[in-house]
């Protein structure tokens, strides 16, 4: 089991180090990514984004959990996955030059 620690707001490098695609990078690369990072807090029930919106953000979960779901034609929620600290979503924006 992986131990997750909670980081102070603004401690982007510590949060980024939780992510497997970043945690092997040298300090200079990690610092560059941390400079680009922004901390945002969400309340329970608040949306990060909706599927019809064009999204160009990589989200890294620092605290709490995020539920990703789709709505069926019937209106019922279909759970896709649950993100916990160290998990991320939106990684396609890193590799897609047309994402912005």
PDB file of N, CA and C in Angstrom:
ATOM      1  N   UNK A   1       0.851  -1.175   0.000  1.00  0.00           N
ATOM      2  CA  UNK A   1       0.000   0.000   0.000  1.00  0.00           C
ATOM      3  C   UNK A   1       0.896   1.237   0.000  1.00  0.00           C
ATOM      4  N   UNK A   2       0.563   2.212  -0.814  1.00  0.00           N
ATOM      5  CA  UNK A   2       1.338   3.438  -0.910  1.00  0.00           C
ATOM      6  C   UNK A   2       0.886   4.414   0.164  1.00  0.00           C
ATOM      7  N   UNK A   3       1.834   5.037   0.815  1.00  0.00           N
ATOM      8  CA  UNK A   3       1.507   6.037   1.814  1.00  0.00           C
ATOM      9  C   UNK A   3       1.442   7.392   1.123  1.00  0.00           C
ATOM     10  N   UNK A   4       0.356   8.108   1.322  1.00  0.00           N
ATOM     11  CA  UNK A   4       0.198   9.433   0.748  1.00  0.00           C
ATOM     12  C   UNK A   4       0.252  10.450   1.875  1.00  0.00           C
ATOM     13  N   UNK A   5       0.993  11.504   1.646  1.00  0.00           N
ATOM     14  CA  UNK A   5       1.033  12.574   2.623  1.00  0.00           C
ATOM     15  C   UNK A   5       0.278  13.762   2.057  1.00  0.00           C
ATOM     16  N   UNK A   6      -0.239  14.586   2.923  1.00  0.00           N
ATOM     17  CA  UNK A   6      -0.945  15.788   2.485  1.00  0.00           C
ATOM     18  C   UNK A   6       0.046  16.939   2.477  1.00  0.00           C
ATOM     19  N   UNK A   7      -0.028  17.741   1.453  1.00  0.00           N
ATOM     20  CA  UNK A   7       0.925  18.824   1.257  1.00  0.00           C
ATOM     21  C   UNK A   7       0.256  20.153   1.486  1.00  0.00           C
ATOM     22  N   UNK A   8       1.049  21.107   1.860  1.00  0.00           N
ATOM     23  CA  UNK A   8       0.542  22.457   2.031  1.00  0.00           C
ATOM     24  C   UNK A   8       0.155  23.023   0.675  1.00  0.00           C
ATOM     25  N   UNK A   9      -0.840  23.891   0.674  1.00  0.00           N
ATOM     26  CA  UNK A   9      -1.234  24.550  -0.568  1.00  0.00           C
ATOM     27  C   UNK A   9      -0.028  25.310  -1.099  1.00  0.00           C
ATOM     28  N   UNK A  10       0.246  25.155  -2.378  1.00  0.00           N
ATOM     29  CA  UNK A  10       1.391  25.811  -2.994  1.00  0.00           C
ATOM     30  C   UNK A  10       2.632  24.935  -3.035  1.00  0.00           C
ATOM     31  N   UNK A  11       2.623  23.797  -2.361  1.00  0.00           N
ATOM     32  CA  UNK A  11       3.760  22.880  -2.389  1.00  0.00           C
ATOM     33  C   UNK A  11       3.580  21.945  -3.580  1.00  0.00           C
ATOM     34  N   UNK A  12       3.696  22.513  -4.766  1.00  0.00           N
ATOM     35  CA  UNK A  12       3.406  21.787  -5.988  1.00  0.00           C
ATOM     36  C   UNK A  12       4.377  20.645  -6.251  1.00  0.00           C
ATOM     37  N   UNK A  13       5.646  20.838  -5.974  1.00  0.00           N
ATOM     38  CA  UNK A  13       6.632  19.795  -6.260  1.00  0.00           C
ATOM     39  C   UNK A  13       6.320  18.523  -5.479  1.00  0.00           C
ATOM     40  N   UNK A  14       5.922  18.656  -4.232  1.00  0.00           N
ATOM     41  CA  UNK A  14       5.599  17.474  -3.422  1.00  0.00           C
ATOM     42  C   UNK A  14       4.386  16.744  -3.983  1.00  0.00           C
ATOM     43  N   UNK A  15       3.411  17.485  -4.450  1.00  0.00           N
ATOM     44  CA  UNK A  15       2.226  16.871  -5.050  1.00  0.00           C
ATOM     45  C   UNK A  15       2.584  16.196  -6.370  1.00  0.00           C
ATOM     46  N   UNK A  16       3.365  16.854  -7.184  1.00  0.00           N
ATOM     47  CA  UNK A  16       3.756  16.319  -8.489  1.00  0.00           C
ATOM     48  C   UNK A  16       4.572  15.044  -8.338  1.00  0.00           C
ATOM     49  N   UNK A  17       5.377  14.963  -7.290  1.00  0.00           N
ATOM     50  CA  UNK A  17       6.202  13.780  -7.060  1.00  0.00           C
ATOM     51  C   UNK A  17       5.369  12.525  -6.789  1.00  0.00           C
ATOM     52  N   UNK A  18       4.119  12.681  -6.421  1.00  0.00           N
ATOM     53  CA  UNK A  18       3.238  11.532  -6.201  1.00  0.00           C
ATOM     54  C   UNK A  18       2.869  10.843  -7.514  1.00  0.00           C
ATOM     55  N   UNK A  19       2.988  11.567  -8.628  1.00  0.00           N
ATOM     56  CA  UNK A  19       2.517  11.067  -9.919  1.00  0.00           C
ATOM     57  C   UNK A  19       3.597  10.225 -10.594  1.00  0.00           C
ATOM     58  N   UNK A  20       3.275   8.982 -10.929  1.00  0.00           N
ATOM     59  CA  UNK A  20       4.271   8.074 -11.513  1.00  0.00           C
ATOM     60  C   UNK A  20       4.950   8.595 -12.780  1.00  0.00           C
ATOM     61  N   UNK A  21       4.254   9.354 -13.626  1.00  0.00           N
ATOM     62  CA  UNK A  21       4.891   9.837 -14.858  1.00  0.00           C
ATOM     63  C   UNK A  21       5.859  10.977 -14.601  1.00  0.00           C
ATOM     64  N   UNK A  22       5.848  11.552 -13.389  1.00  0.00           N
ATOM     65  CA  UNK A  22       6.749  12.655 -13.061  1.00  0.00           C
ATOM     66  C   UNK A  22       7.796  12.318 -12.014  1.00  0.00           C
ATOM     67  N   UNK A  23       7.545  11.335 -11.148  1.00  0.00           N
ATOM     68  CA  UNK A  23       8.387  11.155  -9.960  1.00  0.00           C
ATOM     69  C   UNK A  23       9.825  10.722 -10.244  1.00  0.00           C
ATOM     70  N   UNK A  24      10.145  10.383 -11.456  1.00  0.00           N
ATOM     71  CA  UNK A  24      11.520  10.004 -11.793  1.00  0.00           C
ATOM     72  C   UNK A  24      12.323  11.156 -12.393  1.00  0.00           C
ATOM     73  N   UNK A  25      11.702  12.303 -12.593  1.00  0.00           N
ATOM     74  CA  UNK A  25      12.362  13.430 -13.247  1.00  0.00           C
ATOM     75  C   UNK A  25      13.420  14.067 -12.359  1.00  0.00           C
ATOM     76  N   UNK A  26      14.377  14.701 -13.004  1.00  0.00           N
ATOM     77  CA  UNK A  26      15.404  15.444 -12.269  1.00  0.00           C
ATOM     78  C   UNK A  26      14.768  16.674 -11.628  1.00  0.00           C
ATOM     79  N   UNK A  27      15.441  17.215 -10.612  1.00  0.00           N
ATOM     80  CA  UNK A  27      14.903  18.358  -9.880  1.00  0.00           C
ATOM     81  C   UNK A  27      14.600  19.546 -10.780  1.00  0.00           C
ATOM     82  N   UNK A  28      15.444  19.808 -11.771  1.00  0.00           N
ATOM     83  CA  UNK A  28      15.217  20.969 -12.646  1.00  0.00           C
ATOM     84  C   UNK A  28      13.917  20.807 -13.427  1.00  0.00           C
ATOM     85  N   UNK A  29      13.650  19.618 -13.941  1.00  0.00           N
ATOM     86  CA  UNK A  29      12.410  19.364 -14.675  1.00  0.00           C
ATOM     87  C   UNK A  29      11.213  19.420 -13.728  1.00  0.00           C
ATOM     88  N   UNK A  30      11.367  18.866 -12.543  1.00  0.00           N
ATOM     89  CA  UNK A  30      10.298  18.885 -11.553  1.00  0.00           C
ATOM     90  C   UNK A  30       9.961  20.323 -11.155  1.00  0.00           C
ATOM     91  N   UNK A  31      10.989  21.143 -10.981  1.00  0.00           N
ATOM     92  CA  UNK A  31      10.766  22.547 -10.629  1.00  0.00           C
ATOM     93  C   UNK A  31      10.052  23.291 -11.746  1.00  0.00           C
ATOM     94  N   UNK A  32      10.377  22.979 -12.989  1.00  0.00           N
ATOM     95  CA  UNK A  32       9.717  23.615 -14.133  1.00  0.00           C
ATOM     96  C   UNK A  32       8.219  23.280 -14.122  1.00  0.00           C
ATOM     97  N   UNK A  33       7.901  22.034 -13.910  1.00  0.00           N
ATOM     98  CA  UNK A  33       6.497  21.623 -13.854  1.00  0.00           C
ATOM     99  C   UNK A  33       5.803  22.281 -12.668  1.00  0.00           C
ATOM    100  N   UNK A  34       6.462  22.328 -11.529  1.00  0.00           N
ATOM    101  CA  UNK A  34       5.879  22.936 -10.331  1.00  0.00           C
ATOM    102  C   UNK A  34       5.582  24.421 -10.543  1.00  0.00           C
ATOM    103  N   UNK A  35       6.428  25.111 -11.310  1.00  0.00           N
ATOM    104  CA  UNK A  35       6.188  26.523 -11.604  1.00  0.00           C
ATOM    105  C   UNK A  35       4.918  26.725 -12.425  1.00  0.00           C
ATOM    106  N   UNK A  36       4.564  25.746 -13.223  1.00  0.00           N
ATOM    107  CA  UNK A  36       3.374  25.827 -14.069  1.00  0.00           C
ATOM    108  C   UNK A  36       2.102  25.407 -13.333  1.00  0.00           C
ATOM    109  N   UNK A  37       2.252  24.812 -12.179  1.00  0.00           N
ATOM    110  CA  UNK A  37       1.118  24.261 -11.437  1.00  0.00           C
ATOM    111  C   UNK A  37       0.359  25.350 -10.685  1.00  0.00           C
ATOM    112  N   UNK A  38      -0.916  25.098 -10.514  1.00  0.00           N
ATOM    113  CA  UNK A  38      -1.785  25.976  -9.741  1.00  0.00           C
ATOM    114  C   UNK A  38      -2.606  25.111  -8.799  1.00  0.00           C
ATOM    115  N   UNK A  39      -2.780  25.579  -7.595  1.00  0.00           N
ATOM    116  CA  UNK A  39      -3.589  24.863  -6.624  1.00  0.00           C
ATOM    117  C   UNK A  39      -5.004  25.413  -6.655  1.00  0.00           C
ATOM    118  N   UNK A  40      -5.956  24.520  -6.672  1.00  0.00           N
ATOM    119  CA  UNK A  40      -7.352  24.923  -6.602  1.00  0.00           C
ATOM    120  C   UNK A  40      -8.083  23.932  -5.712  1.00  0.00           C
ATOM    121  N   UNK A  41      -8.873  24.464  -4.811  1.00  0.00           N
ATOM    122  CA  UNK A  41      -9.662  23.615  -3.930  1.00  0.00           C
ATOM    123  C   UNK A  41     -11.087  23.552  -4.455  1.00  0.00           C
ATOM    124  N   UNK A  42     -11.682  22.375  -4.363  1.00  0.00           N
ATOM    125  CA  UNK A  42     -13.060  22.156  -4.783  1.00  0.00           C
ATOM    126  C   UNK A  42     -13.870  21.673  -3.594  1.00  0.00           C
ATOM    127  N   UNK A  43     -15.117  22.046  -3.572  1.00  0.00           N
ATOM    128  CA  UNK A  43     -16.035  21.578  -2.544  1.00  0.00           C
ATOM    129  C   UNK A  43     -16.696  20.281  -3.004  1.00  0.00           C
ATOM    130  N   UNK A  44     -17.144  19.489  -2.073  1.00  0.00           N
ATOM    131  CA  UNK A  44     -17.846  18.255  -2.400  1.00  0.00           C
ATOM    132  C   UNK A  44     -19.036  18.584  -3.306  1.00  0.00           C
ATOM    133  N   UNK A  45     -19.158  17.824  -4.397  1.00  0.00           N
ATOM    134  CA  UNK A  45     -20.247  18.027  -5.338  1.00  0.00           C
ATOM    135  C   UNK A  45     -19.926  18.996  -6.466  1.00  0.00           C
ATOM    136  N   UNK A  46     -18.821  19.691  -6.366  1.00  0.00           N
ATOM    137  CA  UNK A  46     -18.429  20.646  -7.401  1.00  0.00           C
ATOM    138  C   UNK A  46     -17.767  19.896  -8.563  1.00  0.00           C
ATOM    139  N   UNK A  47     -17.979  20.385  -9.788  1.00  0.00           N
ATOM    140  CA  UNK A  47     -17.425  19.741 -10.975  1.00  0.00           C
ATOM    141  C   UNK A  47     -16.051  20.304 -11.321  1.00  0.00           C
ATOM    142  N   UNK A  48     -15.121  19.425 -11.711  1.00  0.00           N
ATOM    143  CA  UNK A  48     -13.854  19.864 -12.301  1.00  0.00           C
ATOM    144  C   UNK A  48     -14.112  20.316 -13.733  1.00  0.00           C
ATOM    145  N   UNK A  49     -14.820  19.469 -14.463  1.00  0.00           N
ATOM    146  CA  UNK A  49     -15.206  19.763 -15.843  1.00  0.00           C
ATOM    147  C   UNK A  49     -16.303  18.798 -16.254  1.00  0.00           C
ATOM    148  N   UNK A  50     -16.934  19.108 -17.357  1.00  0.00           N
ATOM    149  CA  UNK A  50     -17.969  18.235 -17.919  1.00  0.00           C
ATOM    150  C   UNK A  50     -17.461  17.697 -19.251  1.00  0.00           C
ATOM    151  N   UNK A  51     -17.953  16.542 -19.640  1.00  0.00           N
ATOM    152  CA  UNK A  51     -17.427  15.859 -20.822  1.00  0.00           C
ATOM    153  C   UNK A  51     -17.549  16.679 -22.098  1.00  0.00           C
ATOM    154  N   UNK A  52     -18.547  17.523 -22.241  1.00  0.00           N
ATOM    155  CA  UNK A  52     -18.710  18.301 -23.460  1.00  0.00           C
ATOM    156  C   UNK A  52     -17.790  19.522 -23.523  1.00  0.00           C
ATOM    157  N   UNK A  53     -17.115  19.839 -22.432  1.00  0.00           N
ATOM    158  CA  UNK A  53     -16.213  20.987 -22.389  1.00  0.00           C
ATOM    159  C   UNK A  53     -14.826  20.594 -22.888  1.00  0.00           C
ATOM    160  N   UNK A  54     -14.193  21.494 -23.626  1.00  0.00           N
ATOM    161  CA  UNK A  54     -12.807  21.259 -24.030  1.00  0.00           C
ATOM    162  C   UNK A  54     -11.937  21.567 -22.816  1.00  0.00           C
ATOM    163  N   UNK A  55     -11.174  20.597 -22.404  1.00  0.00           N
ATOM    164  CA  UNK A  55     -10.372  20.734 -21.189  1.00  0.00           C
ATOM    165  C   UNK A  55      -8.897  20.590 -21.539  1.00  0.00           C
ATOM    166  N   UNK A  56      -8.086  21.522 -21.063  1.00  0.00           N
ATOM    167  CA  UNK A  56      -6.655  21.502 -21.367  1.00  0.00           C
ATOM    168  C   UNK A  56      -5.816  21.479 -20.092  1.00  0.00           C
ATOM    169  N   UNK A  57      -6.323  20.806 -19.068  1.00  0.00           N
ATOM    170  CA  UNK A  57      -5.682  20.821 -17.762  1.00  0.00           C
ATOM    171  C   UNK A  57      -5.361  19.402 -17.309  1.00  0.00           C
ATOM    172  N   UNK A  58      -4.187  19.249 -16.726  1.00  0.00           N
ATOM    173  CA  UNK A  58      -3.831  18.018 -16.039  1.00  0.00           C
ATOM    174  C   UNK A  58      -4.196  18.220 -14.572  1.00  0.00           C
ATOM    175  N   UNK A  59      -5.044  17.369 -14.036  1.00  0.00           N
ATOM    176  CA  UNK A  59      -5.442  17.439 -12.640  1.00  0.00           C
ATOM    177  C   UNK A  59      -4.700  16.371 -11.864  1.00  0.00           C
ATOM    178  N   UNK A  60      -4.041  16.789 -10.773  1.00  0.00           N
ATOM    179  CA  UNK A  60      -3.367  15.870  -9.861  1.00  0.00           C
ATOM    180  C   UNK A  60      -4.095  15.971  -8.525  1.00  0.00           C
ATOM    181  N   UNK A  61      -4.523  14.844  -8.016  1.00  0.00           N
ATOM    182  CA  UNK A  61      -5.280  14.842  -6.770  1.00  0.00           C
ATOM    183  C   UNK A  61      -4.297  14.859  -5.604  1.00  0.00           C
ATOM    184  N   UNK A  62      -4.431  15.877  -4.764  1.00  0.00           N
ATOM    185  CA  UNK A  62      -3.561  16.032  -3.604  1.00  0.00           C
ATOM    186  C   UNK A  62      -4.264  15.526  -2.342  1.00  0.00           C
ATOM    187  N   UNK A  63      -5.529  15.867  -2.191  1.00  0.00           N
ATOM    188  CA  UNK A  63      -6.319  15.442  -1.035  1.00  0.00           C
ATOM    189  C   UNK A  63      -7.714  15.046  -1.493  1.00  0.00           C
ATOM    190  N   UNK A  64      -8.317  14.176  -0.759  1.00  0.00           N
ATOM    191  CA  UNK A  64      -9.694  13.788  -1.039  1.00  0.00           C
ATOM    192  C   UNK A  64      -9.795  12.786  -2.172  1.00  0.00           C
ATOM    193  N   UNK A  65     -10.980  12.693  -2.727  1.00  0.00           N
ATOM    194  CA  UNK A  65     -11.241  11.754  -3.815  1.00  0.00           C
ATOM    195  C   UNK A  65     -12.092  12.454  -4.869  1.00  0.00           C
ATOM    196  N   UNK A  66     -11.902  12.041  -6.094  1.00  0.00           N
ATOM    197  CA  UNK A  66     -12.666  12.562  -7.221  1.00  0.00           C
ATOM    198  C   UNK A  66     -13.378  11.391  -7.876  1.00  0.00           C
ATOM    199  N   UNK A  67     -14.647  11.549  -8.116  1.00  0.00           N
ATOM    200  CA  UNK A  67     -15.448  10.524  -8.765  1.00  0.00           C
ATOM    201  C   UNK A  67     -15.662  10.939 -10.219  1.00  0.00           C
ATOM    202  N   UNK A  68     -15.254  10.076 -11.150  1.00  0.00           N
ATOM    203  CA  UNK A  68     -15.464  10.317 -12.571  1.00  0.00           C
ATOM    204  C   UNK A  68     -16.586   9.391 -13.021  1.00  0.00           C
ATOM    205  N   UNK A  69     -17.593   9.988 -13.618  1.00  0.00           N
ATOM    206  CA  UNK A  69     -18.738   9.187 -14.040  1.00  0.00           C
ATOM    207  C   UNK A  69     -19.301   9.721 -15.351  1.00  0.00           C
ATOM    208  N   UNK A  70     -20.117   8.903 -15.973  1.00  0.00           N
ATOM    209  CA  UNK A  70     -20.857   9.279 -17.182  1.00  0.00           C
ATOM    210  C   UNK A  70     -22.330   9.135 -16.872  1.00  0.00           C
ATOM    211  N   UNK A  71     -23.134   9.907 -17.570  1.00  0.00           N
ATOM    212  CA  UNK A  71     -24.575   9.766 -17.430  1.00  0.00           C
ATOM    213  C   UNK A  71     -25.099   8.882 -18.553  1.00  0.00           C
ATOM    214  N   UNK A  72     -25.832   7.858 -18.183  1.00  0.00           N
ATOM    215  CA  UNK A  72     -26.467   6.979 -19.163  1.00  0.00           C
ATOM    216  C   UNK A  72     -27.646   7.720 -19.781  1.00  0.00           C
ATOM    217  N   UNK A  73     -28.151   7.208 -20.881  1.00  0.00           N
ATOM    218  CA  UNK A  73     -29.319   7.809 -21.522  1.00  0.00           C
ATOM    219  C   UNK A  73     -30.493   7.909 -20.555  1.00  0.00           C
ATOM    220  N   UNK A  74     -30.546   6.998 -19.601  1.00  0.00           N
ATOM    221  CA  UNK A  74     -31.614   7.002 -18.603  1.00  0.00           C
ATOM    222  C   UNK A  74     -31.422   8.086 -17.541  1.00  0.00           C
ATOM    223  N   UNK A  75     -30.225   8.717 -17.547  1.00  0.00           N
ATOM    224  CA  UNK A  75     -29.920   9.730 -16.546  1.00  0.00           C
ATOM    225  C   UNK A  75     -29.205   9.180 -15.329  1.00  0.00           C
ATOM    226  N   UNK A  76     -28.997   7.876 -15.293  1.00  0.00           N
ATOM    227  CA  UNK A  76     -28.312   7.232 -14.169  1.00  0.00           C
ATOM    228  C   UNK A  76     -26.800   7.391 -14.326  1.00  0.00           C
ATOM    229  N   UNK A  77     -26.120   7.615 -13.203  1.00  0.00           N
ATOM    230  CA  UNK A  77     -24.667   7.755 -13.216  1.00  0.00           C
ATOM    231  C   UNK A  77     -24.005   6.391 -13.390  1.00  0.00           C
ATOM    232  N   UNK A  78     -23.000   6.337 -14.287  1.00  0.00           N
ATOM    233  CA  UNK A  78     -22.191   5.134 -14.457  1.00  0.00           C
ATOM    234  C   UNK A  78     -20.776   5.493 -14.016  1.00  0.00           C
ATOM    235  N   UNK A  79     -20.336   4.907 -12.920  1.00  0.00           N
ATOM    236  CA  UNK A  79     -19.015   5.201 -12.366  1.00  0.00           C
ATOM    237  C   UNK A  79     -17.927   4.711 -13.322  1.00  0.00           C
ATOM    238  N   UNK A  80     -16.994   5.600 -13.652  1.00  0.00           N
ATOM    239  CA  UNK A  80     -15.861   5.252 -14.514  1.00  0.00           C
ATOM    240  C   UNK A  80     -14.660   4.905 -13.645  1.00  0.00           C
ATOM    241  N   UNK A  81     -14.334   5.776 -12.701  1.00  0.00           N
ATOM    242  CA  UNK A  81     -13.232   5.516 -11.777  1.00  0.00           C
ATOM    243  C   UNK A  81     -13.257   6.512 -10.639  1.00  0.00           C
ATOM    244  N   UNK A  82     -12.523   6.191  -9.594  1.00  0.00           N
ATOM    245  CA  UNK A  82     -12.373   7.087  -8.447  1.00  0.00           C
ATOM    246  C   UNK A  82     -10.895   7.410  -8.328  1.00  0.00           C
ATOM    247  N   UNK A  83     -10.588   8.701  -8.245  1.00  0.00           N
ATOM    248  CA  UNK A  83      -9.203   9.156  -8.110  1.00  0.00           C
ATOM    249  C   UNK A  83      -8.915   9.488  -6.658  1.00  0.00           C
ATOM    250  N   UNK A  84      -7.744   9.088  -6.180  1.00  0.00           N
ATOM    251  CA  UNK A  84      -7.285   9.338  -4.817  1.00  0.00           C
ATOM    252  C   UNK A  84      -5.980  10.128  -4.878  1.00  0.00           C
ATOM    253  N   UNK A  85      -5.450  10.580  -3.743  1.00  0.00           N
ATOM    254  CA  UNK A  85      -4.197  11.336  -3.764  1.00  0.00           C
ATOM    255  C   UNK A  85      -3.097  10.612  -4.544  1.00  0.00           C
ATOM    256  N   UNK A  86      -2.457  11.357  -5.446  1.00  0.00           N
ATOM    257  CA  UNK A  86      -1.417  10.808  -6.309  1.00  0.00           C
ATOM    258  C   UNK A  86      -1.936  10.386  -7.665  1.00  0.00           C
ATOM    259  N   UNK A  87      -3.253  10.230  -7.801  1.00  0.00           N
ATOM    260  CA  UNK A  87      -3.849   9.899  -9.094  1.00  0.00           C
ATOM    261  C   UNK A  87      -3.993  11.178  -9.918  1.00  0.00           C
ATOM    262  N   UNK A  88      -4.195  11.005 -11.203  1.00  0.00           N
ATOM    263  CA  UNK A  88      -4.320  12.160 -12.086  1.00  0.00           C
ATOM    264  C   UNK A  88      -5.254  11.852 -13.239  1.00  0.00           C
ATOM    265  N   UNK A  89      -5.728  12.895 -13.870  1.00  0.00           N
ATOM    266  CA  UNK A  89      -6.542  12.779 -15.069  1.00  0.00           C
ATOM    267  C   UNK A  89      -6.251  13.986 -15.952  1.00  0.00           C
ATOM    268  N   UNK A  90      -6.459  13.819 -17.247  1.00  0.00           N
ATOM    269  CA  UNK A  90      -6.181  14.895 -18.195  1.00  0.00           C
ATOM    270  C   UNK A  90      -4.790  14.823 -18.780  1.00  0.00           C
ATOM    271  N   UNK A  91      -4.117  13.678 -18.608  1.00  0.00           N
ATOM    272  CA  UNK A  91      -2.731  13.546 -19.073  1.00  0.00           C
ATOM    273  C   UNK A  91      -2.600  13.684 -20.578  1.00  0.00           C
ATOM    274  N   UNK A  92      -3.676  13.453 -21.314  1.00  0.00           N
ATOM    275  CA  UNK A  92      -3.609  13.575 -22.780  1.00  0.00           C
ATOM    276  C   UNK A  92      -3.217  14.988 -23.195  1.00  0.00           C
ATOM    277  N   UNK A  93      -3.493  15.982 -22.356  1.00  0.00           N
ATOM    278  CA  UNK A  93      -3.142  17.364 -22.702  1.00  0.00           C
ATOM    279  C   UNK A  93      -1.633  17.563 -22.767  1.00  0.00           C
ATOM    280  N   UNK A  94      -0.878  16.724 -22.055  1.00  0.00           N
ATOM    281  CA  UNK A  94       0.581  16.839 -22.079  1.00  0.00           C
ATOM    282  C   UNK A  94       1.163  16.403 -23.415  1.00  0.00           C
ATOM    283  N   UNK A  95       0.480  15.482 -24.065  1.00  0.00           N
ATOM    284  CA  UNK A  95       1.018  14.878 -25.280  1.00  0.00           C
ATOM    285  C   UNK A  95       0.264  15.280 -26.545  1.00  0.00           C
ATOM    286  N   UNK A  96      -0.728  16.136 -26.403  1.00  0.00           N
ATOM    287  CA  UNK A  96      -1.551  16.555 -27.523  1.00  0.00           C
ATOM    288  C   UNK A  96      -1.324  18.044 -27.787  1.00  0.00           C
ATOM    289  N   UNK A  97      -0.559  18.381 -28.834  1.00  0.00           N
ATOM    290  CA  UNK A  97      -0.258  19.796 -29.090  1.00  0.00           C
ATOM    291  C   UNK A  97      -1.489  20.620 -29.442  1.00  0.00           C
ATOM    292  N   UNK A  98      -2.579  19.991 -29.838  1.00  0.00           N
ATOM    293  CA  UNK A  98      -3.792  20.710 -30.199  1.00  0.00           C
ATOM    294  C   UNK A  98      -4.738  20.896 -29.000  1.00  0.00           C
ATOM    295  N   UNK A  99      -4.319  20.489 -27.822  1.00  0.00           N
ATOM    296  CA  UNK A  99      -5.190  20.508 -26.652  1.00  0.00           C
ATOM    297  C   UNK A  99      -5.502  21.927 -26.198  1.00  0.00           C
ATOM    298  N   UNK A 100      -4.619  22.859 -26.416  1.00  0.00           N
ATOM    299  CA  UNK A 100      -4.813  24.230 -25.909  1.00  0.00           C
ATOM    300  C   UNK A 100      -5.689  25.016 -26.825  1.00  0.00           C
TER     301      UNK A 100
END
